[in-house]
Structures are given as C-alpha cells and as structure tokens.
Amino acid sequence: MAQRARTTTSIHAAKTNLSRLIERATAGEDVIIAKGQTPVVRLVPIKPRKASRRFGAMRGRAKTTRAFFEPLAPDEIAAWEK
C-alpha cells in the first residue's frame, strides 16, 4: 500500500496558505495543522453525498381537481391494460 504524503503546518501558516493546503488535501495528501508542535487538526476533503429522496418533499405543491378522481373512459382503461 502506498504511503500518502504528509504536510504539517502551523496555524498561522495555514491561515496564510489555506487555498494551497485545500488543493493538496483534495489531491490526496495528508494535511495536518499544528498548534506549536502539537497536531490539532487534519484537513480532509469531503466526499460528495448522493442526493437522497425525502418522503413528503412535494407535500402541498401538487394540486388536483375533481376530474382526477373521476373514473377513466373505457378507451383510456383499455390503453393502460395493453
């Protein structure tokens, strides 16, 4: 298994170079931010989440008329049964 490159930087340097550190982290490099000599934070990319469906998300947005509840004409029913 290949070893990932690791970068440790101070909080002050991280503030100054945040964009560069984000690019390195998204490229797969371990980016550690330290307070003095003590590591305190690891910068990691966020994986995109798959969109999920939520039950009831369209509640109140769709309108129906009385015609929706009327029986279908025989030729409509025949078309659905094919």
Protein backbone atom coordinates (compact mmCIF):
# COMPACT_ATOMS: atom_id res chain seq x y z
CA MET A 1 0.00 0.00 0.00
CA ALA A 2 1.44 3.37 -1.00
CA GLN A 3 2.24 5.88 1.74
CA ARG A 4 0.41 9.20 1.43
CA ALA A 5 2.49 12.36 1.57
CA ARG A 6 2.07 14.26 4.82
CA THR A 7 2.31 18.00 5.39
CA THR A 8 2.34 19.56 8.85
CA THR A 9 1.91 23.30 9.13
CA SER A 10 1.33 25.85 11.89
CA ILE A 11 -2.00 27.61 12.37
CA HIS A 12 -0.50 30.91 11.21
CA ALA A 13 0.93 29.36 8.03
CA ALA A 14 -2.39 27.55 7.41
CA LYS A 15 -4.27 30.87 7.53
CA THR A 16 -1.85 32.34 5.01
CA ASN A 17 -1.85 29.33 2.66
CA LEU A 18 -5.33 27.87 3.13
CA SER A 19 -6.16 27.67 -0.60
CA ARG A 20 -2.93 25.78 -1.34
CA LEU A 21 -3.50 23.43 1.59
CA ILE A 22 -7.04 22.69 0.39
CA GLU A 23 -5.70 21.84 -3.08
CA ARG A 24 -3.13 19.49 -1.56
CA ALA A 25 -5.74 17.80 0.64
CA THR A 26 -8.13 17.28 -2.29
CA ALA A 27 -5.21 15.78 -4.24
CA GLY A 28 -4.92 13.10 -1.54
CA GLU A 29 -2.16 14.49 0.66
CA ASP A 30 -2.46 14.37 4.48
CA VAL A 31 -2.52 17.96 5.73
CA ILE A 32 -2.06 18.40 9.48
CA ILE A 33 -2.42 21.77 11.20
CA ALA A 34 -0.48 22.08 14.45
CA LYS A 35 -0.51 24.45 17.41
CA GLY A 36 3.17 24.72 18.18
CA GLN A 37 4.47 21.15 17.98
CA THR A 38 1.10 19.56 18.80
CA PRO A 39 -1.06 18.41 15.86
CA VAL A 40 -4.65 19.57 16.39
CA VAL A 41 -6.49 19.28 13.05
CA ARG A 42 -6.35 17.14 9.91
CA LEU A 43 -7.59 18.78 6.70
CA VAL A 44 -9.52 16.23 4.60
CA PRO A 45 -11.72 16.58 1.52
CA ILE A 46 -15.44 15.95 1.79
CA LYS A 47 -16.83 13.28 -0.49
CA PRO A 48 -19.91 14.45 -2.40
CA ARG A 49 -23.08 12.98 -0.95
CA LYS A 50 -25.52 11.19 -3.15
CA ALA A 51 -28.82 13.06 -3.34
CA SER A 52 -31.43 11.29 -1.27
CA ARG A 53 -35.17 11.30 -1.63
CA ARG A 54 -37.19 12.64 1.26
CA PHE A 55 -40.70 11.32 1.89
CA GLY A 56 -43.27 14.12 1.65
CA ALA A 57 -40.95 16.61 -0.05
CA MET A 58 -43.70 17.63 -2.51
CA ARG A 59 -46.43 17.93 0.15
CA GLY A 60 -48.58 20.97 -0.59
CA ARG A 61 -47.01 21.62 -4.01
CA ALA A 62 -49.18 19.43 -6.24
CA LYS A 63 -52.83 20.30 -6.80
CA THR A 64 -55.57 18.01 -8.09
CA THR A 65 -59.05 18.78 -9.33
CA ARG A 66 -62.21 16.70 -9.01
CA ALA A 67 -61.55 15.33 -12.50
CA PHE A 68 -58.58 13.42 -11.08
CA PHE A 69 -60.96 11.23 -9.07
CA GLU A 70 -63.46 10.62 -11.88
CA PRO A 71 -63.46 7.14 -13.48
CA LEU A 72 -61.45 6.79 -16.67
CA ALA A 73 -63.20 6.43 -20.01
CA PRO A 74 -63.30 2.83 -21.31
CA ASP A 75 -60.85 3.60 -24.14
CA GLU A 76 -58.36 5.06 -21.56
CA ILE A 77 -58.62 1.92 -19.41
CA ALA A 78 -58.07 -0.25 -22.50
CA ALA A 79 -54.94 1.74 -23.38
CA TRP A 80 -53.49 1.13 -19.90
CA GLU A 81 -54.24 -2.59 -20.00
CA LYS A 82 -52.28 -3.25 -23.21
